[in-house]
Amino acid sequence: MAQTVNWGVLSTAKIGREKVIPGMQKGQVSRVLGIASRDQATAEAAAQSLGIPRAYGSYEALLADPDIHAIYNPLPNHLHVPWSIRALEAGKHVLCEKPVALNAEEARTLLAARDRSGLIVAEAFMVRYTPWWHRVRQLAQEGRLGRVGAIQTAFTYFLDDPTNIRNDPSIGGGGLMDIGCYAIATARYVFGAEPLRVSSLIERDPTMGTDRLTSAVLQFPDGHLTFTCSTQLAPHQRVTIMGTKARIEVIIPFNAPPDAPCRILIDDGEALDGSGATPEDFAVTDQYTEQGDAVSRAILGEAPLEFPLEDAIANMRVIDAVFRSAETGGWETP
């Protein structure tokens, strides 16, 4: 039997309970051994419902457990760097939810801690571990679409509850940090390059102050990304990658179901209603399982970490530039 990595989870956050932990529990080399809360009863309830062997009444207790090899950090954005650094100082590898920090400057403090520790730190962009996104990048880069000139991304949901942490700008809430980061990361993934400059518009909620509607244009060396993300529009997500010969449409690009096949469409445009598109279907895949095992294999030394912390910092620099452009009204360089 292959060696496994024992994971501990810092907090009983919803994304962990509902998506990441169930996914990791199906992994070949990932074992979720413990979960921590600031309240012992809360931790025990989560552990019991998820079938996790150990529960801790504090984050410190989890980090002190010598049987935990790595931690998954789904805490609110402002706690990503502080608790990831504490995990590294306790000798634990880290998988941290996106975005990895509040800004690139803060992310660089995590990079320094990683370098001091010699441990692995990865950002949890699960989409890049899926077979459909691998296929999208392959098709784009091998020339099936011709020269890829444009990527258009939409990612929206409706959430106007002022008590929800995603609507608190003081701790990193808002649409760009929560979901716009996916548009940036996947465009960088497909283009295989970094954007040269950024221009954006941001509309903020008049009461909460969060960016509830963000649109941006990113100029890459060989093409453009245009994206819109919103926390106060009807739920929708779609990515279209357009080349000189054909386009790819990713039907559910980000919140892919863990229990149903996923699909992309390849369309040469001969029928403008899309009826000539060729579908490619992919077997049921839990992207959180794939992410967990990829990071676990890197920890075990079985495979390199494809997306190290430097990639997360590069994505954070672009997010920073999008925010700056909305303030200055001009182009900004990441």
C-alpha atoms as a PDB file:
ATOM      1  CA  MET A   1       0.000   0.000   0.000  1.00  0.00           C
ATOM      2  CA  ALA A   2       1.264   3.441  -0.895  1.00  0.00           C
ATOM      3  CA  GLN A   3       2.357   5.760   1.840  1.00  0.00           C
ATOM      4  CA  THR A   4      -0.248   8.405   2.705  1.00  0.00           C
ATOM      5  CA  VAL A   5      -0.198  11.964   3.984  1.00  0.00           C
ATOM      6  CA  ASN A   6      -2.149  12.673   7.173  1.00  0.00           C
ATOM      7  CA  TRP A   7      -4.023  15.945   6.777  1.00  0.00           C
ATOM      8  CA  GLY A   8      -5.455  18.229   9.435  1.00  0.00           C
ATOM      9  CA  VAL A   9      -8.072  20.863   8.640  1.00  0.00           C
ATOM     10  CA  LEU A  10      -7.907  24.304  10.254  1.00  0.00           C
ATOM     11  CA  SER A  11     -11.545  25.205  10.940  1.00  0.00           C
ATOM     12  CA  THR A  12     -14.936  23.765  10.106  1.00  0.00           C
ATOM     13  CA  ALA A  13     -15.452  26.148   7.167  1.00  0.00           C
ATOM     14  CA  LYS A  14     -18.260  25.260   4.780  1.00  0.00           C
ATOM     15  CA  ILE A  15     -16.035  24.730   1.752  1.00  0.00           C
ATOM     16  CA  GLY A  16     -14.010  22.218   3.718  1.00  0.00           C
ATOM     17  CA  ARG A  17     -16.972  20.342   5.151  1.00  0.00           C
ATOM     18  CA  GLU A  18     -18.975  20.204   1.935  1.00  0.00           C
ATOM     19  CA  LYS A  19     -16.367  19.966  -0.825  1.00  0.00           C
ATOM     20  CA  VAL A  20     -12.694  19.663   0.014  1.00  0.00           C
ATOM     21  CA  ILE A  21     -12.764  17.134   2.861  1.00  0.00           C
ATOM     22  CA  PRO A  22     -15.167  14.680   1.143  1.00  0.00           C
ATOM     23  CA  GLY A  23     -13.002  14.940  -1.959  1.00  0.00           C
ATOM     24  CA  MET A  24      -9.737  14.343  -0.135  1.00  0.00           C
ATOM     25  CA  GLN A  25     -11.227  11.387   1.724  1.00  0.00           C
ATOM     26  CA  LYS A  26     -11.556   9.601  -1.633  1.00  0.00           C
ATOM     27  CA  GLY A  27      -7.887  10.108  -2.407  1.00  0.00           C
ATOM     28  CA  GLN A  28      -5.314   7.368  -2.868  1.00  0.00           C
ATOM     29  CA  VAL A  29      -2.559   9.016  -0.845  1.00  0.00           C
ATOM     30  CA  SER A  30      -4.491  11.580   1.238  1.00  0.00           C
ATOM     31  CA  ARG A  31      -5.983  10.848   4.657  1.00  0.00           C
ATOM     32  CA  VAL A  32      -7.919  13.456   6.627  1.00  0.00           C
ATOM     33  CA  LEU A  33      -6.878  12.580  10.163  1.00  0.00           C
ATOM     34  CA  GLY A  34      -8.107  15.599  12.115  1.00  0.00           C
ATOM     35  CA  ILE A  35     -10.186  18.763  12.120  1.00  0.00           C
ATOM     36  CA  ALA A  36      -9.923  21.766  14.429  1.00  0.00           C
ATOM     37  CA  SER A  37     -12.284  24.466  15.609  1.00  0.00           C
ATOM     38  CA  ARG A  38     -12.019  27.122  18.268  1.00  0.00           C
ATOM     39  CA  ASP A  39     -14.709  25.111  20.077  1.00  0.00           C
ATOM     40  CA  GLN A  40     -14.227  21.442  20.993  1.00  0.00           C
ATOM     41  CA  ALA A  41     -17.904  20.552  20.585  1.00  0.00           C
ATOM     42  CA  THR A  42     -18.001  22.105  17.113  1.00  0.00           C
ATOM     43  CA  ALA A  43     -14.891  20.196  16.099  1.00  0.00           C
ATOM     44  CA  GLU A  44     -16.287  16.933  17.446  1.00  0.00           C
ATOM     45  CA  ALA A  45     -19.590  17.402  15.632  1.00  0.00           C
ATOM     46  CA  ALA A  46     -17.801  18.057  12.343  1.00  0.00           C
ATOM     47  CA  ALA A  47     -15.468  15.110  12.875  1.00  0.00           C
ATOM     48  CA  GLN A  48     -18.365  12.774  13.615  1.00  0.00           C
ATOM     49  CA  SER A  49     -20.409  13.867  10.608  1.00  0.00           C
ATOM     50  CA  LEU A  50     -17.456  13.532   8.258  1.00  0.00           C
ATOM     51  CA  GLY A  51     -15.905  10.394   9.724  1.00  0.00           C
ATOM     52  CA  ILE A  52     -12.683  12.144  10.763  1.00  0.00           C
ATOM     53  CA  PRO A  53     -10.829  10.320  13.581  1.00  0.00           C
ATOM     54  CA  ARG A  54      -9.555  13.302  15.593  1.00  0.00           C
ATOM     55  CA  ALA A  55     -11.107  16.595  16.737  1.00  0.00           C
ATOM     56  CA  TYR A  56      -9.289  19.525  18.321  1.00  0.00           C
ATOM     57  CA  GLY A  57     -10.736  22.407  20.324  1.00  0.00           C
ATOM     58  CA  SER A  58      -8.074  24.818  19.059  1.00  0.00           C
ATOM     59  CA  TYR A  59      -5.951  25.319  15.955  1.00  0.00           C
ATOM     60  CA  GLU A  60      -2.873  25.163  18.156  1.00  0.00           C
ATOM     61  CA  ALA A  61      -3.775  21.648  19.321  1.00  0.00           C
ATOM     62  CA  LEU A  62      -4.003  20.420  15.736  1.00  0.00           C
ATOM     63  CA  LEU A  63      -0.628  21.951  14.867  1.00  0.00           C
ATOM     64  CA  ALA A  64       0.904  20.283  17.921  1.00  0.00           C
ATOM     65  CA  ASP A  65      -0.173  16.779  16.851  1.00  0.00           C
ATOM     66  CA  PRO A  66       2.947  14.978  15.555  1.00  0.00           C
ATOM     67  CA  ASP A  67       0.820  12.593  13.484  1.00  0.00           C
ATOM     68  CA  ILE A  68      -0.421  15.442  11.261  1.00  0.00           C
ATOM     69  CA  HIS A  69       1.865  15.887   8.250  1.00  0.00           C
ATOM     70  CA  ALA A  70       0.047  18.697   6.431  1.00  0.00           C
ATOM     71  CA  ILE A  71      -2.761  21.167   6.983  1.00  0.00           C
ATOM     72  CA  TYR A  72      -5.525  22.419   4.745  1.00  0.00           C
ATOM     73  CA  ASN A  73      -6.293  26.066   5.543  1.00  0.00           C
ATOM     74  CA  PRO A  74      -9.832  27.228   4.554  1.00  0.00           C
ATOM     75  CA  LEU A  75      -9.925  30.090   7.067  1.00  0.00           C
ATOM     76  CA  PRO A  76     -11.139  33.554   6.001  1.00  0.00           C
ATOM     77  CA  ASN A  77      -8.755  35.317   3.638  1.00  0.00           C
ATOM     78  CA  HIS A  78      -7.098  37.525   6.253  1.00  0.00           C
ATOM     79  CA  LEU A  79      -6.059  34.414   8.197  1.00  0.00           C
ATOM     80  CA  HIS A  80      -4.506  32.550   5.278  1.00  0.00           C
ATOM     81  CA  VAL A  81      -0.978  33.839   5.705  1.00  0.00           C
ATOM     82  CA  PRO A  82      -0.788  34.014   9.534  1.00  0.00           C
ATOM     83  CA  TRP A  83      -2.006  30.469  10.111  1.00  0.00           C
ATOM     84  CA  SER A  84      -0.153  29.024   7.152  1.00  0.00           C
ATOM     85  CA  ILE A  85       3.054  30.458   8.591  1.00  0.00           C
ATOM     86  CA  ARG A  86       2.227  28.984  11.985  1.00  0.00           C
ATOM     87  CA  ALA A  87       1.653  25.616  10.346  1.00  0.00           C
ATOM     88  CA  LEU A  88       5.043  25.805   8.624  1.00  0.00           C
ATOM     89  CA  GLU A  89       6.681  26.732  11.916  1.00  0.00           C
ATOM     90  CA  ALA A  90       5.054  23.632  13.425  1.00  0.00           C
ATOM     91  CA  GLY A  91       6.610  21.492  10.689  1.00  0.00           C
ATOM     92  CA  LYS A  92       3.474  21.001   8.594  1.00  0.00           C
ATOM     93  CA  HIS A  93       3.112  21.307   4.838  1.00  0.00           C
ATOM     94  CA  VAL A  94       0.270  23.615   3.724  1.00  0.00           C
ATOM     95  CA  LEU A  95      -2.572  23.607   1.216  1.00  0.00           C
ATOM     96  CA  CYS A  96      -4.133  27.067   1.542  1.00  0.00           C
ATOM     97  CA  GLU A  97      -7.407  28.203   0.059  1.00  0.00           C
ATOM     98  CA  LYS A  98      -7.343  30.830  -2.650  1.00  0.00           C
ATOM     99  CA  PRO A  99      -6.464  33.610  -2.742  1.00  0.00           C
ATOM    100  CA  VAL A 100      -3.358  32.775  -0.781  1.00  0.00           C
ATOM    101  CA  ALA A 101      -3.110  36.249   0.784  1.00  0.00           C
ATOM    102  CA  LEU A 102      -4.713  39.676   0.943  1.00  0.00           C
ATOM    103  CA  ASN A 103      -2.098  41.062  -1.464  1.00  0.00           C
ATOM    104  CA  ALA A 104       1.193  40.102  -3.062  1.00  0.00           C
ATOM    105  CA  GLU A 105       3.269  41.811  -0.377  1.00  0.00           C
ATOM    106  CA  GLU A 106       1.677  39.682   2.335  1.00  0.00           C
ATOM    107  CA  ALA A 107       2.070  36.581   0.163  1.00  0.00           C
ATOM    108  CA  ARG A 108       5.814  37.175  -0.009  1.00  0.00           C
ATOM    109  CA  THR A 109       6.030  36.823   3.779  1.00  0.00           C
ATOM    110  CA  LEU A 110       4.565  33.338   3.351  1.00  0.00           C
ATOM    111  CA  LEU A 111       7.147  32.621   0.655  1.00  0.00           C
ATOM    112  CA  ALA A 112       9.919  33.570   3.062  1.00  0.00           C
ATOM    113  CA  ALA A 113       8.450  31.267   5.715  1.00  0.00           C
ATOM    114  CA  ARG A 114       8.238  28.438   3.198  1.00  0.00           C
ATOM    115  CA  ASP A 115      11.863  28.903   2.238  1.00  0.00           C
ATOM    116  CA  ARG A 116      12.931  28.882   5.879  1.00  0.00           C
ATOM    117  CA  SER A 117      11.001  25.690   6.552  1.00  0.00           C
ATOM    118  CA  GLY A 118      11.847  23.744   3.406  1.00  0.00           C
ATOM    119  CA  LEU A 119       8.233  22.549   3.338  1.00  0.00           C
ATOM    120  CA  ILE A 120       5.586  22.646   0.613  1.00  0.00           C
ATOM    121  CA  VAL A 121       2.953  25.379   0.322  1.00  0.00           C
ATOM    122  CA  ALA A 122       0.284  25.133  -2.386  1.00  0.00           C
ATOM    123  CA  GLU A 123      -2.700  27.315  -3.253  1.00  0.00           C
ATOM    124  CA  ALA A 124      -6.037  25.518  -3.610  1.00  0.00           C
ATOM    125  CA  PHE A 125      -7.021  26.232  -7.221  1.00  0.00           C
ATOM    126  CA  MET A 126      -8.588  22.812  -7.738  1.00  0.00           C
ATOM    127  CA  VAL A 127      -9.644  23.410 -11.347  1.00  0.00           C
ATOM    128  CA  ARG A 128      -6.110  23.025 -12.683  1.00  0.00           C
ATOM    129  CA  TYR A 129      -5.991  19.397 -11.558  1.00  0.00           C
ATOM    130  CA  THR A 130      -8.959  18.261 -13.677  1.00  0.00           C
ATOM    131  CA  PRO A 131      -8.795  16.305 -16.934  1.00  0.00           C
ATOM    132  CA  TRP A 132     -11.055  18.793 -18.770  1.00  0.00           C
ATOM    133  CA  TRP A 133      -8.862  21.786 -17.964  1.00  0.00           C
ATOM    134  CA  HIS A 134      -5.791  19.726 -18.907  1.00  0.00           C
ATOM    135  CA  ARG A 135      -7.502  19.008 -22.220  1.00  0.00           C
ATOM    136  CA  VAL A 136      -8.440  22.654 -22.738  1.00  0.00           C
ATOM    137  CA  ARG A 137      -4.847  23.742 -22.286  1.00  0.00           C
ATOM    138  CA  GLN A 138      -3.604  20.946 -24.547  1.00  0.00           C
ATOM    139  CA  LEU A 139      -5.993  21.914 -27.353  1.00  0.00           C
ATOM    140  CA  ALA A 140      -5.129  25.583 -27.014  1.00  0.00           C
ATOM    141  CA  GLN A 141      -1.386  25.056 -26.973  1.00  0.00           C
ATOM    142  CA  GLU A 142      -1.138  22.379 -29.674  1.00  0.00           C
ATOM    143  CA  GLY A 143      -2.885  24.590 -32.258  1.00  0.00           C
ATOM    144  CA  ARG A 144      -6.322  22.938 -32.502  1.00  0.00           C
ATOM    145  CA  LEU A 145      -7.900  26.389 -32.139  1.00  0.00           C
ATOM    146  CA  GLY A 146      -5.355  28.172 -34.306  1.00  0.00           C
ATOM    147  CA  ARG A 147      -3.849  31.184 -32.597  1.00  0.00           C
ATOM    148  CA  VAL A 148      -5.694  31.776 -29.336  1.00  0.00           C
ATOM    149  CA  GLY A 149      -6.514  35.471 -29.245  1.00  0.00           C
ATOM    150  CA  ALA A 150      -9.148  35.852 -26.560  1.00  0.00           C
ATOM    151  CA  ILE A 151     -10.571  34.267 -23.439  1.00  0.00           C
ATOM    152  CA  GLN A 152     -13.906  35.436 -22.050  1.00  0.00           C
ATOM    153  CA  THR A 153     -14.919  34.410 -18.543  1.00  0.00           C
ATOM    154  CA  ALA A 154     -18.076  35.005 -16.519  1.00  0.00           C
ATOM    155  CA  PHE A 155     -18.455  33.916 -12.893  1.00  0.00           C
ATOM    156  CA  THR A 156     -21.354  35.241 -10.818  1.00  0.00           C
ATOM    157  CA  TYR A 157     -23.587  34.397  -7.870  1.00  0.00           C
ATOM    158  CA  PHE A 158     -26.028  36.325  -5.683  1.00  0.00           C
ATOM    159  CA  LEU A 159     -25.164  36.872  -2.013  1.00  0.00           C
ATOM    160  CA  ASP A 160     -26.210  40.075  -0.249  1.00  0.00           C
ATOM    161  CA  ASP A 161     -26.140  38.816   3.356  1.00  0.00           C
ATOM    162  CA  PRO A 162     -24.036  41.377   5.283  1.00  0.00           C
ATOM    163  CA  THR A 163     -23.142  38.785   7.947  1.00  0.00           C
ATOM    164  CA  ASN A 164     -21.457  36.472   5.443  1.00  0.00           C
ATOM    165  CA  ILE A 165     -17.643  36.681   5.563  1.00  0.00           C
ATOM    166  CA  ARG A 166     -17.498  36.991   1.777  1.00  0.00           C
ATOM    167  CA  ASN A 167     -19.218  40.379   2.183  1.00  0.00           C
ATOM    168  CA  ASP A 168     -16.703  41.808   4.655  1.00  0.00           C
ATOM    169  CA  PRO A 169     -14.044  43.799   2.768  1.00  0.00           C
ATOM    170  CA  SER A 170     -11.914  44.213   5.901  1.00  0.00           C
ATOM    171  CA  ILE A 171     -11.037  40.497   5.827  1.00  0.00           C
ATOM    172  CA  GLY A 172     -10.644  40.093   2.087  1.00  0.00           C
ATOM    173  CA  GLY A 173     -14.262  39.676   1.020  1.00  0.00           C
ATOM    174  CA  GLY A 174     -15.705  40.658  -2.334  1.00  0.00           C
ATOM    175  CA  GLY A 175     -16.082  39.243  -5.806  1.00  0.00           C
ATOM    176  CA  LEU A 176     -12.569  39.658  -7.188  1.00  0.00           C
ATOM    177  CA  MET A 177     -10.902  37.867  -4.293  1.00  0.00           C
ATOM    178  CA  ASP A 178     -13.538  35.143  -4.109  1.00  0.00           C
ATOM    179  CA  ILE A 179     -14.209  34.274  -7.746  1.00  0.00           C
ATOM    180  CA  GLY A 180     -12.463  36.726 -10.066  1.00  0.00           C
ATOM    181  CA  CYS A 181      -9.221  35.043  -9.058  1.00  0.00           C
ATOM    182  CA  TYR A 182     -10.375  31.943 -10.985  1.00  0.00           C
ATOM    183  CA  ALA A 183     -10.697  33.894 -14.216  1.00  0.00           C
ATOM    184  CA  ILE A 184      -7.151  35.175 -13.820  1.00  0.00           C
ATOM    185  CA  ALA A 185      -5.636  31.832 -12.812  1.00  0.00           C
ATOM    186  CA  THR A 186      -7.235  29.860 -15.637  1.00  0.00           C
ATOM    187  CA  ALA A 187      -6.263  32.428 -18.289  1.00  0.00           C
ATOM    188  CA  ARG A 188      -2.668  32.329 -17.083  1.00  0.00           C
ATOM    189  CA  TYR A 189      -2.906  28.534 -17.200  1.00  0.00           C
ATOM    190  CA  VAL A 190      -4.195  28.411 -20.783  1.00  0.00           C
ATOM    191  CA  PHE A 191      -1.968  31.149 -22.199  1.00  0.00           C
ATOM    192  CA  GLY A 192       1.034  29.814 -20.298  1.00  0.00           C
ATOM    193  CA  ALA A 193       2.103  33.405 -19.689  1.00  0.00           C
ATOM    194  CA  GLU A 194       1.666  36.401 -17.407  1.00  0.00           C
ATOM    195  CA  PRO A 195      -0.415  39.467 -18.342  1.00  0.00           C
ATOM    196  CA  LEU A 196       1.476  42.588 -19.352  1.00  0.00           C
ATOM    197  CA  ARG A 197      -1.102  45.125 -18.184  1.00  0.00           C
ATOM    198  CA  VAL A 198      -4.594  45.355 -16.717  1.00  0.00           C
ATOM    199  CA  SER A 199      -7.560  47.724 -16.976  1.00  0.00           C
ATOM    200  CA  SER A 200     -10.661  47.360 -14.811  1.00  0.00           C
ATOM    201  CA  LEU A 201     -13.959  48.745 -13.537  1.00  0.00           C
ATOM    202  CA  ILE A 202     -15.326  47.994 -10.079  1.00  0.00           C
ATOM    203  CA  GLU A 203     -18.768  48.704  -8.623  1.00  0.00           C
ATOM    204  CA  ARG A 204     -18.934  48.490  -4.832  1.00  0.00           C
ATOM    205  CA  ASP A 205     -21.911  47.731  -2.646  1.00  0.00           C
ATOM    206  CA  PRO A 206     -22.934  51.069  -1.112  1.00  0.00           C
ATOM    207  CA  THR A 207     -23.482  49.549   2.322  1.00  0.00           C
ATOM    208  CA  MET A 208     -20.968  46.718   2.663  1.00  0.00           C
ATOM    209  CA  GLY A 209     -18.199  48.216   0.556  1.00  0.00           C
ATOM    210  CA  THR A 210     -17.361  44.976  -1.240  1.00  0.00           C
ATOM    211  CA  ASP A 211     -16.671  44.851  -4.951  1.00  0.00           C
ATOM    212  CA  ARG A 212     -19.983  43.392  -6.075  1.00  0.00           C
ATOM    213  CA  LEU A 213     -19.300  43.810  -9.801  1.00  0.00           C
ATOM    214  CA  THR A 214     -15.828  43.702 -11.337  1.00  0.00           C
ATOM    215  CA  SER A 215     -14.933  43.643 -15.027  1.00  0.00           C
ATOM    216  CA  ALA A 216     -11.411  43.679 -16.402  1.00  0.00           C
ATOM    217  CA  VAL A 217      -9.300  43.370 -19.524  1.00  0.00           C
ATOM    218  CA  LEU A 218      -5.917  41.683 -19.217  1.00  0.00           C
ATOM    219  CA  GLN A 219      -3.415  41.997 -22.042  1.00  0.00           C
ATOM    220  CA  PHE A 220      -1.247  38.893 -22.422  1.00  0.00           C
ATOM    221  CA  PRO A 221       1.691  38.648 -24.842  1.00  0.00           C
ATOM    222  CA  ASP A 222      -0.448  36.825 -27.427  1.00  0.00           C
ATOM    223  CA  GLY A 223      -4.059  37.586 -26.487  1.00  0.00           C
ATOM    224  CA  HIS A 224      -6.605  39.097 -24.148  1.00  0.00           C
ATOM    225  CA  LEU A 225      -8.649  37.951 -21.173  1.00  0.00           C
ATOM    226  CA  THR A 226     -11.902  39.779 -20.529  1.00  0.00           C
ATOM    227  CA  PHE A 227     -13.857  38.768 -17.457  1.00  0.00           C
ATOM    228  CA  THR A 228     -16.769  39.787 -15.287  1.00  0.00           C
ATOM    229  CA  CYS A 229     -17.357  38.519 -11.787  1.00  0.00           C
ATOM    230  CA  SER A 230     -20.134  39.480  -9.427  1.00  0.00           C
ATOM    231  CA  THR A 231     -21.518  38.611  -6.019  1.00  0.00           C
ATOM    232  CA  GLN A 232     -24.884  40.186  -6.823  1.00  0.00           C
ATOM    233  CA  LEU A 233     -25.971  38.758 -10.162  1.00  0.00           C
ATOM    234  CA  ALA A 234     -27.838  35.561 -11.026  1.00  0.00           C
ATOM    235  CA  PRO A 235     -25.567  32.490 -10.729  1.00  0.00           C
ATOM    236  CA  HIS A 236     -23.632  31.787 -13.907  1.00  0.00           C
ATOM    237  CA  GLN A 237     -20.216  30.556 -14.959  1.00  0.00           C
ATOM    238  CA  ARG A 238     -18.746  29.959 -18.372  1.00  0.00           C
ATOM    239  CA  VAL A 239     -15.351  30.202 -20.085  1.00  0.00           C
ATOM    240  CA  THR A 240     -14.907  30.622 -23.844  1.00  0.00           C
ATOM    241  CA  ILE A 241     -11.460  30.319 -25.421  1.00  0.00           C
ATOM    242  CA  MET A 242     -11.388  31.751 -28.940  1.00  0.00           C
ATOM    243  CA  GLY A 243      -8.847  31.056 -31.640  1.00  0.00           C
ATOM    244  CA  THR A 244      -8.459  31.753 -35.334  1.00  0.00           C
ATOM    245  CA  LYS A 245      -9.762  28.285 -36.276  1.00  0.00           C
ATOM    246  CA  ALA A 246     -12.140  27.294 -33.468  1.00  0.00           C
ATOM    247  CA  ARG A 247     -13.271  28.021 -29.957  1.00  0.00           C
ATOM    248  CA  ILE A 248     -13.692  25.973 -26.782  1.00  0.00           C
ATOM    249  CA  GLU A 249     -16.543  26.480 -24.365  1.00  0.00           C
ATOM    250  CA  VAL A 250     -16.082  25.092 -20.845  1.00  0.00           C
ATOM    251  CA  ILE A 251     -19.624  24.415 -19.667  1.00  0.00           C
ATOM    252  CA  ILE A 252     -19.109  24.295 -15.880  1.00  0.00           C
ATOM    253  CA  PRO A 253     -15.566  25.606 -15.537  1.00  0.00           C
ATOM    254  CA  PHE A 254     -15.245  26.105 -11.789  1.00  0.00           C
ATOM    255  CA  ASN A 255     -17.871  24.384  -9.609  1.00  0.00           C
ATOM    256  CA  ALA A 256     -17.804  21.113 -11.519  1.00  0.00           C
ATOM    257  CA  PRO A 257     -20.033  18.447  -9.916  1.00  0.00           C
ATOM    258  CA  PRO A 258     -18.136  15.622  -8.176  1.00  0.00           C
ATOM    259  CA  ASP A 259     -20.721  13.016  -9.180  1.00  0.00           C
ATOM    260  CA  ALA A 260     -21.511  13.799 -12.839  1.00  0.00           C
ATOM    261  CA  PRO A 261     -19.541  13.929 -16.097  1.00  0.00           C
ATOM    262  CA  CYS A 262     -18.196  17.258 -17.331  1.00  0.00           C
ATOM    263  CA  ARG A 263     -18.170  18.582 -20.892  1.00  0.00           C
ATOM    264  CA  ILE A 264     -16.362  20.987 -23.159  1.00  0.00           C
ATOM    265  CA  LEU A 265     -17.507  22.048 -26.631  1.00  0.00           C
ATOM    266  CA  ILE A 266     -15.187  22.573 -29.594  1.00  0.00           C
ATOM    267  CA  ASP A 267     -16.773  24.712 -32.293  1.00  0.00           C
ATOM    268  CA  ASP A 268     -15.327  25.863 -35.628  1.00  0.00           C
ATOM    269  CA  GLY A 269     -18.128  28.406 -35.986  1.00  0.00           C
ATOM    270  CA  GLU A 270     -19.661  27.126 -39.223  1.00  0.00           C
ATOM    271  CA  ALA A 271     -23.091  27.069 -37.563  1.00  0.00           C
ATOM    272  CA  LEU A 272     -23.553  30.304 -35.659  1.00  0.00           C
ATOM    273  CA  ASP A 273     -26.177  28.744 -33.413  1.00  0.00           C
ATOM    274  CA  GLY A 274     -23.552  26.312 -32.089  1.00  0.00           C
ATOM    275  CA  SER A 275     -25.242  23.241 -33.541  1.00  0.00           C
ATOM    276  CA  GLY A 276     -21.989  22.178 -35.202  1.00  0.00           C
ATOM    277  CA  ALA A 277     -20.023  22.040 -31.967  1.00  0.00           C
ATOM    278  CA  THR A 278     -18.251  18.803 -31.078  1.00  0.00           C
ATOM    279  CA  PRO A 279     -18.643  17.806 -27.429  1.00  0.00           C
ATOM    280  CA  GLU A 280     -15.961  16.080 -25.397  1.00  0.00           C
ATOM    281  CA  ASP A 281     -17.207  14.417 -22.236  1.00  0.00           C
ATOM    282  CA  PHE A 282     -15.072  13.490 -19.242  1.00  0.00           C
ATOM    283  CA  ALA A 283     -15.624  10.757 -16.719  1.00  0.00           C
ATOM    284  CA  VAL A 284     -16.864  11.632 -13.246  1.00  0.00           C
ATOM    285  CA  THR A 285     -13.982  13.306 -11.420  1.00  0.00           C
ATOM    286  CA  ASP A 286     -13.885  15.039  -8.044  1.00  0.00           C
ATOM    287  CA  GLN A 287     -11.504  17.935  -8.559  1.00  0.00           C
ATOM    288  CA  TYR A 288     -10.838  18.145  -4.823  1.00  0.00           C
ATOM    289  CA  THR A 289      -9.706  14.514  -4.806  1.00  0.00           C
ATOM    290  CA  GLU A 290      -7.301  15.238  -7.647  1.00  0.00           C
ATOM    291  CA  GLN A 291      -5.989  18.366  -5.939  1.00  0.00           C
ATOM    292  CA  GLY A 292      -5.442  16.632  -2.611  1.00  0.00           C
ATOM    293  CA  ASP A 293      -3.599  13.700  -4.110  1.00  0.00           C
ATOM    294  CA  ALA A 294      -1.435  15.931  -6.319  1.00  0.00           C
ATOM    295  CA  VAL A 295      -0.256  17.895  -3.297  1.00  0.00           C
ATOM    296  CA  SER A 296       0.121  14.738  -1.226  1.00  0.00           C
ATOM    297  CA  ARG A 297       2.307  13.136  -3.895  1.00  0.00           C
ATOM    298  CA  ALA A 298       4.482  16.242  -3.921  1.00  0.00           C
ATOM    299  CA  ILE A 299       4.816  16.006  -0.146  1.00  0.00           C
ATOM    300  CA  LEU A 300       5.751  12.321  -0.442  1.00  0.00           C
ATOM    301  CA  GLY A 301       8.343  13.163  -3.076  1.00  0.00           C
ATOM    302  CA  GLU A 302       6.542  11.097  -5.708  1.00  0.00           C
ATOM    303  CA  ALA A 303       5.958  14.002  -8.116  1.00  0.00           C
ATOM    304  CA  PRO A 304       6.906  17.665  -8.393  1.00  0.00           C
ATOM    305  CA  LEU A 305       4.453  20.344  -7.284  1.00  0.00           C
ATOM    306  CA  GLU A 306       3.188  21.747 -10.580  1.00  0.00           C
ATOM    307  CA  PHE A 307       1.932  25.016  -9.081  1.00  0.00           C
ATOM    308  CA  PRO A 308       4.271  26.188  -6.308  1.00  0.00           C
ATOM    309  CA  LEU A 309       3.730  29.226  -4.127  1.00  0.00           C
ATOM    310  CA  GLU A 310       5.451  31.464  -6.684  1.00  0.00           C
ATOM    311  CA  ASP A 311       2.479  30.846  -8.993  1.00  0.00           C
ATOM    312  CA  ALA A 312       0.080  31.994  -6.281  1.00  0.00           C
ATOM    313  CA  ILE A 313       2.073  35.185  -5.807  1.00  0.00           C
ATOM    314  CA  ALA A 314       1.968  35.837  -9.553  1.00  0.00           C
ATOM    315  CA  ASN A 315      -1.819  35.510  -9.483  1.00  0.00           C
ATOM    316  CA  MET A 316      -1.979  37.813  -6.458  1.00  0.00           C
ATOM    317  CA  ARG A 317       0.029  40.479  -8.284  1.00  0.00           C
ATOM    318  CA  VAL A 318      -2.593  40.505 -11.037  1.00  0.00           C
ATOM    319  CA  ILE A 319      -5.423  40.813  -8.515  1.00  0.00           C
ATOM    320  CA  ASP A 320      -3.592  43.760  -6.945  1.00  0.00           C
ATOM    321  CA  ALA A 321      -3.281  45.386 -10.387  1.00  0.00           C
ATOM    322  CA  VAL A 322      -7.006  44.964 -11.055  1.00  0.00           C
ATOM    323  CA  PHE A 323      -7.800  46.764  -7.798  1.00  0.00           C
ATOM    324  CA  ARG A 324      -5.285  49.535  -8.593  1.00  0.00           C
ATOM    325  CA  SER A 325      -6.657  50.082 -12.087  1.00  0.00           C
ATOM    326  CA  ALA A 326     -10.166  50.583 -10.744  1.00  0.00           C
ATOM    327  CA  GLU A 327      -8.780  53.313  -8.474  1.00  0.00           C
ATOM    328  CA  THR A 328      -6.517  55.063 -10.997  1.00  0.00           C
ATOM    329  CA  GLY A 329      -8.746  54.664 -14.040  1.00  0.00           C
ATOM    330  CA  GLY A 330      -5.773  53.620 -16.151  1.00  0.00           C
ATOM    331  CA  TRP A 331      -3.718  50.622 -17.171  1.00  0.00           C
ATOM    332  CA  GLU A 332      -1.726  48.975 -14.404  1.00  0.00           C
ATOM    333  CA  THR A 333       1.216  46.561 -14.607  1.00  0.00           C
ATOM    334  CA  PRO A 334       1.118  43.508 -12.307  1.00  0.00           C
END
